[in-house]
Amino acid sequence: MLKDHAKIIHAISVSGEIIGRKKLQKMIYIAKKMEFPFQERFQFHFYGPYSEELTLRVEELCNMGFLDEVKEKKGGYYQYRYTLTEAGQEFLGENTVEMPCLAIA
């Protein structure tokens, strides 16, 4: 179970920070289409691909203290910013994640 969580933490770690829930959903969806080993199931929703499983895992990671979620007011909506915490970095260090390498020609 926590291997799937570690993959999400790894994706956010490589990105540095992810600004926006939709962006996070789309990044994982695209990575999955590029055959990265994400297990979340996606369906198409109002703003593009959406995974309830991914939403729940990110919420669990925030509750465990591995991810930091900052809610910012932007005009008439809220934007979420995700970064890795120190506990998340330690967790990632203890749980290795095998991800394919992208070769861009």
N, C-alpha and C. Protein backbone atom coordinates (compact mmCIF):
# COMPACT_ATOMS: atom_id res chain seq x y z
N MET A 1 0.82 -1.19 0.00
CA MET A 1 0.00 0.00 0.00
C MET A 1 0.86 1.26 0.00
N LEU A 2 1.88 1.31 0.85
CA LEU A 2 2.68 2.52 0.94
C LEU A 2 3.62 2.69 -0.25
N LYS A 3 3.79 1.66 -1.06
CA LYS A 3 4.59 1.82 -2.28
C LYS A 3 3.93 2.80 -3.24
N ASP A 4 2.61 2.74 -3.34
CA ASP A 4 1.89 3.69 -4.20
C ASP A 4 2.00 5.11 -3.65
N HIS A 5 2.00 5.24 -2.34
CA HIS A 5 2.18 6.54 -1.71
C HIS A 5 3.59 7.07 -1.99
N ALA A 6 4.57 6.18 -1.92
CA ALA A 6 5.97 6.58 -2.15
C ALA A 6 6.16 7.07 -3.58
N LYS A 7 5.45 6.49 -4.53
CA LYS A 7 5.56 6.94 -5.93
C LYS A 7 5.05 8.37 -6.08
N ILE A 8 3.98 8.70 -5.38
CA ILE A 8 3.45 10.07 -5.44
C ILE A 8 4.43 11.03 -4.79
N ILE A 9 4.97 10.63 -3.64
CA ILE A 9 5.97 11.48 -2.97
C ILE A 9 7.17 11.69 -3.88
N HIS A 10 7.60 10.64 -4.56
CA HIS A 10 8.74 10.75 -5.48
C HIS A 10 8.44 11.74 -6.61
N ALA A 11 7.25 11.68 -7.16
CA ALA A 11 6.87 12.60 -8.25
C ALA A 11 6.91 14.04 -7.77
N ILE A 12 6.42 14.29 -6.58
CA ILE A 12 6.43 15.66 -6.04
C ILE A 12 7.85 16.08 -5.70
N SER A 13 8.64 15.15 -5.20
CA SER A 13 10.04 15.44 -4.88
C SER A 13 10.82 15.85 -6.12
N VAL A 14 10.65 15.14 -7.20
CA VAL A 14 11.34 15.44 -8.45
C VAL A 14 10.89 16.80 -8.99
N SER A 15 9.63 17.14 -8.80
CA SER A 15 9.09 18.40 -9.29
C SER A 15 9.47 19.60 -8.41
N GLY A 16 9.83 19.34 -7.17
CA GLY A 16 10.13 20.42 -6.25
C GLY A 16 8.88 20.87 -5.53
N GLU A 17 7.93 21.37 -6.27
CA GLU A 17 6.61 21.70 -5.74
C GLU A 17 5.62 21.64 -6.89
N ILE A 18 4.39 21.35 -6.54
CA ILE A 18 3.33 21.33 -7.54
C ILE A 18 2.26 22.31 -7.08
N ILE A 19 1.92 23.22 -7.97
CA ILE A 19 0.93 24.24 -7.66
C ILE A 19 -0.36 23.89 -8.40
N GLY A 20 -1.36 23.47 -7.65
CA GLY A 20 -2.67 23.17 -8.22
C GLY A 20 -3.02 21.69 -8.18
N ARG A 21 -4.22 21.41 -7.72
CA ARG A 21 -4.71 20.03 -7.68
C ARG A 21 -4.91 19.47 -9.08
N LYS A 22 -5.44 20.30 -9.98
CA LYS A 22 -5.64 19.82 -11.35
C LYS A 22 -4.30 19.47 -11.99
N LYS A 23 -3.31 20.29 -11.73
CA LYS A 23 -1.98 20.05 -12.30
C LYS A 23 -1.41 18.72 -11.78
N LEU A 24 -1.58 18.47 -10.50
CA LEU A 24 -1.11 17.21 -9.92
C LEU A 24 -1.81 16.02 -10.58
N GLN A 25 -3.13 16.12 -10.72
CA GLN A 25 -3.90 15.05 -11.36
C GLN A 25 -3.41 14.81 -12.79
N LYS A 26 -3.21 15.88 -13.54
CA LYS A 26 -2.80 15.75 -14.93
C LYS A 26 -1.38 15.22 -15.06
N MET A 27 -0.49 15.64 -14.15
CA MET A 27 0.89 15.16 -14.20
C MET A 27 0.96 13.65 -13.99
N ILE A 28 0.23 13.16 -12.99
CA ILE A 28 0.24 11.71 -12.72
C ILE A 28 -0.44 10.95 -13.85
N TYR A 29 -1.51 11.50 -14.39
CA TYR A 29 -2.20 10.86 -15.52
C TYR A 29 -1.26 10.73 -16.72
N ILE A 30 -0.57 11.80 -17.06
CA ILE A 30 0.35 11.77 -18.20
C ILE A 30 1.50 10.81 -17.93
N ALA A 31 2.03 10.84 -16.71
CA ALA A 31 3.12 9.92 -16.36
C ALA A 31 2.64 8.46 -16.50
N LYS A 32 1.42 8.19 -16.08
CA LYS A 32 0.88 6.83 -16.20
C LYS A 32 0.75 6.44 -17.67
N LYS A 33 0.31 7.37 -18.50
CA LYS A 33 0.19 7.09 -19.94
C LYS A 33 1.56 6.84 -20.57
N MET A 34 2.61 7.43 -19.98
CA MET A 34 3.98 7.23 -20.46
C MET A 34 4.60 5.99 -19.83
N GLU A 35 3.75 5.16 -19.19
CA GLU A 35 4.11 3.88 -18.61
C GLU A 35 4.94 3.98 -17.34
N PHE A 36 4.78 5.07 -16.59
CA PHE A 36 5.31 5.12 -15.24
C PHE A 36 4.39 4.25 -14.39
N PRO A 37 4.92 3.59 -13.37
CA PRO A 37 4.13 2.57 -12.65
C PRO A 37 3.17 3.13 -11.60
N PHE A 38 2.28 4.01 -12.00
CA PHE A 38 1.24 4.50 -11.09
C PHE A 38 0.03 3.59 -11.22
N GLN A 39 -0.62 3.29 -10.09
CA GLN A 39 -1.74 2.35 -10.07
C GLN A 39 -3.11 3.02 -10.06
N GLU A 40 -3.15 4.33 -9.89
CA GLU A 40 -4.42 5.02 -9.76
C GLU A 40 -5.24 4.91 -11.05
N ARG A 41 -6.55 4.72 -10.88
CA ARG A 41 -7.46 4.69 -12.02
C ARG A 41 -8.01 6.09 -12.25
N PHE A 42 -8.10 6.47 -13.50
CA PHE A 42 -8.57 7.81 -13.86
C PHE A 42 -9.86 7.71 -14.66
N GLN A 43 -10.68 8.74 -14.52
CA GLN A 43 -11.86 8.92 -15.36
C GLN A 43 -11.86 10.37 -15.82
N PHE A 44 -12.55 10.64 -16.88
CA PHE A 44 -12.59 12.01 -17.36
C PHE A 44 -13.66 12.78 -16.61
N HIS A 45 -13.32 13.99 -16.23
CA HIS A 45 -14.16 14.84 -15.40
C HIS A 45 -14.26 16.21 -16.05
N PHE A 46 -14.80 17.18 -15.37
CA PHE A 46 -15.00 18.53 -15.94
C PHE A 46 -13.71 19.17 -16.44
N TYR A 47 -12.63 19.04 -15.69
CA TYR A 47 -11.39 19.74 -16.02
C TYR A 47 -10.29 18.81 -16.52
N GLY A 48 -10.65 17.61 -16.94
CA GLY A 48 -9.66 16.67 -17.45
C GLY A 48 -9.66 15.39 -16.65
N PRO A 49 -8.59 14.61 -16.75
CA PRO A 49 -8.54 13.34 -16.04
C PRO A 49 -8.54 13.55 -14.53
N TYR A 50 -9.26 12.66 -13.83
CA TYR A 50 -9.39 12.77 -12.38
C TYR A 50 -9.36 11.39 -11.77
N SER A 51 -8.63 11.26 -10.66
CA SER A 51 -8.56 10.00 -9.93
C SER A 51 -8.94 10.24 -8.47
N GLU A 52 -10.01 9.63 -8.05
CA GLU A 52 -10.41 9.70 -6.64
C GLU A 52 -9.34 9.04 -5.77
N GLU A 53 -8.73 7.95 -6.27
CA GLU A 53 -7.67 7.27 -5.52
C GLU A 53 -6.49 8.20 -5.27
N LEU A 54 -6.11 8.96 -6.29
CA LEU A 54 -5.00 9.91 -6.13
C LEU A 54 -5.35 10.98 -5.11
N THR A 55 -6.56 11.49 -5.16
CA THR A 55 -7.01 12.49 -4.20
C THR A 55 -6.92 11.95 -2.78
N LEU A 56 -7.38 10.73 -2.57
CA LEU A 56 -7.34 10.12 -1.24
C LEU A 56 -5.91 9.87 -0.78
N ARG A 57 -5.05 9.42 -1.67
CA ARG A 57 -3.65 9.17 -1.29
C ARG A 57 -2.94 10.46 -0.92
N VAL A 58 -3.18 11.53 -1.67
CA VAL A 58 -2.57 12.82 -1.36
C VAL A 58 -3.08 13.31 -0.01
N GLU A 59 -4.36 13.15 0.25
CA GLU A 59 -4.92 13.54 1.54
C GLU A 59 -4.28 12.73 2.67
N GLU A 60 -4.10 11.43 2.47
CA GLU A 60 -3.45 10.59 3.47
C GLU A 60 -2.01 11.04 3.71
N LEU A 61 -1.29 11.36 2.63
CA LEU A 61 0.09 11.81 2.77
C LEU A 61 0.18 13.12 3.54
N CYS A 62 -0.77 14.00 3.33
CA CYS A 62 -0.81 15.25 4.09
C CYS A 62 -1.11 14.96 5.57
N ASN A 63 -2.05 14.05 5.83
CA ASN A 63 -2.40 13.70 7.21
C ASN A 63 -1.24 13.01 7.93
N MET A 64 -0.42 12.24 7.21
CA MET A 64 0.73 11.57 7.80
C MET A 64 1.91 12.52 8.00
N GLY A 65 1.81 13.71 7.41
CA GLY A 65 2.88 14.69 7.56
C GLY A 65 3.99 14.57 6.53
N PHE A 66 3.76 13.80 5.46
CA PHE A 66 4.77 13.62 4.42
C PHE A 66 4.70 14.71 3.35
N LEU A 67 3.51 15.28 3.15
CA LEU A 67 3.32 16.38 2.20
C LEU A 67 2.77 17.58 2.94
N ASP A 68 3.16 18.74 2.45
CA ASP A 68 2.64 19.99 2.98
C ASP A 68 1.70 20.57 1.93
N GLU A 69 0.45 20.81 2.32
CA GLU A 69 -0.55 21.38 1.43
C GLU A 69 -0.89 22.78 1.93
N VAL A 70 -0.63 23.78 1.10
CA VAL A 70 -0.92 25.16 1.45
C VAL A 70 -2.06 25.64 0.56
N LYS A 71 -3.12 26.15 1.19
CA LYS A 71 -4.30 26.65 0.48
C LYS A 71 -4.16 28.17 0.37
N GLU A 72 -4.14 28.68 -0.87
CA GLU A 72 -3.98 30.11 -1.11
C GLU A 72 -5.20 30.66 -1.83
N LYS A 73 -5.65 31.81 -1.40
CA LYS A 73 -6.78 32.48 -2.06
C LYS A 73 -6.26 33.22 -3.27
N LYS A 74 -6.78 32.91 -4.45
CA LYS A 74 -6.41 33.56 -5.70
C LYS A 74 -7.67 34.09 -6.35
N GLY A 75 -7.93 35.36 -6.23
CA GLY A 75 -9.14 35.93 -6.83
C GLY A 75 -10.38 35.28 -6.25
N GLY A 76 -11.15 34.62 -7.10
CA GLY A 76 -12.39 33.99 -6.67
C GLY A 76 -12.27 32.50 -6.41
N TYR A 77 -11.06 31.99 -6.32
CA TYR A 77 -10.90 30.55 -6.09
C TYR A 77 -9.70 30.30 -5.18
N TYR A 78 -9.56 29.05 -4.76
CA TYR A 78 -8.41 28.65 -3.94
C TYR A 78 -7.47 27.81 -4.77
N GLN A 79 -6.19 27.99 -4.53
CA GLN A 79 -5.16 27.21 -5.22
C GLN A 79 -4.36 26.48 -4.15
N TYR A 80 -3.98 25.25 -4.44
CA TYR A 80 -3.26 24.42 -3.49
C TYR A 80 -1.82 24.22 -3.96
N ARG A 81 -0.90 24.29 -3.00
CA ARG A 81 0.53 24.15 -3.29
C ARG A 81 1.03 22.94 -2.48
N TYR A 82 1.66 21.99 -3.17
CA TYR A 82 2.16 20.78 -2.52
C TYR A 82 3.68 20.75 -2.54
N THR A 83 4.25 20.52 -1.37
CA THR A 83 5.69 20.34 -1.24
C THR A 83 5.96 19.18 -0.30
N LEU A 84 7.16 18.65 -0.39
CA LEU A 84 7.59 17.54 0.45
C LEU A 84 8.08 18.07 1.78
N THR A 85 7.71 17.41 2.87
CA THR A 85 8.21 17.79 4.19
C THR A 85 9.47 16.99 4.50
N GLU A 86 10.12 17.31 5.61
CA GLU A 86 11.30 16.55 6.02
C GLU A 86 10.94 15.10 6.30
N ALA A 87 9.78 14.88 6.92
CA ALA A 87 9.32 13.52 7.18
C ALA A 87 9.09 12.77 5.86
N GLY A 88 8.60 13.47 4.86
CA GLY A 88 8.41 12.87 3.53
C GLY A 88 9.73 12.50 2.88
N GLN A 89 10.73 13.36 3.05
CA GLN A 89 12.06 13.06 2.50
C GLN A 89 12.66 11.83 3.19
N GLU A 90 12.49 11.74 4.51
CA GLU A 90 12.98 10.57 5.24
C GLU A 90 12.25 9.31 4.79
N PHE A 91 10.94 9.40 4.64
CA PHE A 91 10.15 8.26 4.18
C PHE A 91 10.63 7.80 2.81
N LEU A 92 10.87 8.76 1.92
CA LEU A 92 11.33 8.43 0.57
C LEU A 92 12.72 7.81 0.61
N GLY A 93 13.57 8.27 1.53
CA GLY A 93 14.90 7.70 1.68
C GLY A 93 14.87 6.26 2.16
N GLU A 94 13.87 5.92 2.97
CA GLU A 94 13.74 4.56 3.50
C GLU A 94 13.00 3.63 2.55
N ASN A 95 12.23 4.18 1.63
CA ASN A 95 11.43 3.38 0.70
C ASN A 95 11.83 3.73 -0.73
N THR A 96 12.69 2.93 -1.30
CA THR A 96 13.14 3.22 -2.66
C THR A 96 12.01 2.98 -3.65
N VAL A 97 12.00 3.82 -4.66
CA VAL A 97 10.95 3.75 -5.69
C VAL A 97 11.64 3.56 -7.04
N GLU A 98 11.20 2.56 -7.77
CA GLU A 98 11.72 2.30 -9.11
C GLU A 98 10.87 3.01 -10.12
N MET A 99 11.46 4.03 -10.75
CA MET A 99 10.76 4.77 -11.80
C MET A 99 11.60 4.71 -13.06
N PRO A 100 10.96 4.60 -14.23
CA PRO A 100 11.72 4.58 -15.47
C PRO A 100 12.39 5.94 -15.73
N CYS A 101 13.44 5.88 -16.49
CA CYS A 101 14.16 7.10 -16.87
C CYS A 101 13.59 7.60 -18.18
N LEU A 102 13.44 8.90 -18.30
CA LEU A 102 12.97 9.47 -19.57
C LEU A 102 14.17 9.78 -20.43
N ALA A 103 14.20 9.26 -21.60
CA ALA A 103 15.26 9.58 -22.56
C ALA A 103 14.67 10.48 -23.63
N ILE A 104 15.09 11.73 -23.64
CA ILE A 104 14.58 12.68 -24.59
C ILE A 104 15.65 12.91 -25.65
N ALA A 105 15.29 12.64 -26.88
CA ALA A 105 16.29 12.76 -27.96
C ALA A 105 16.28 14.13 -28.57
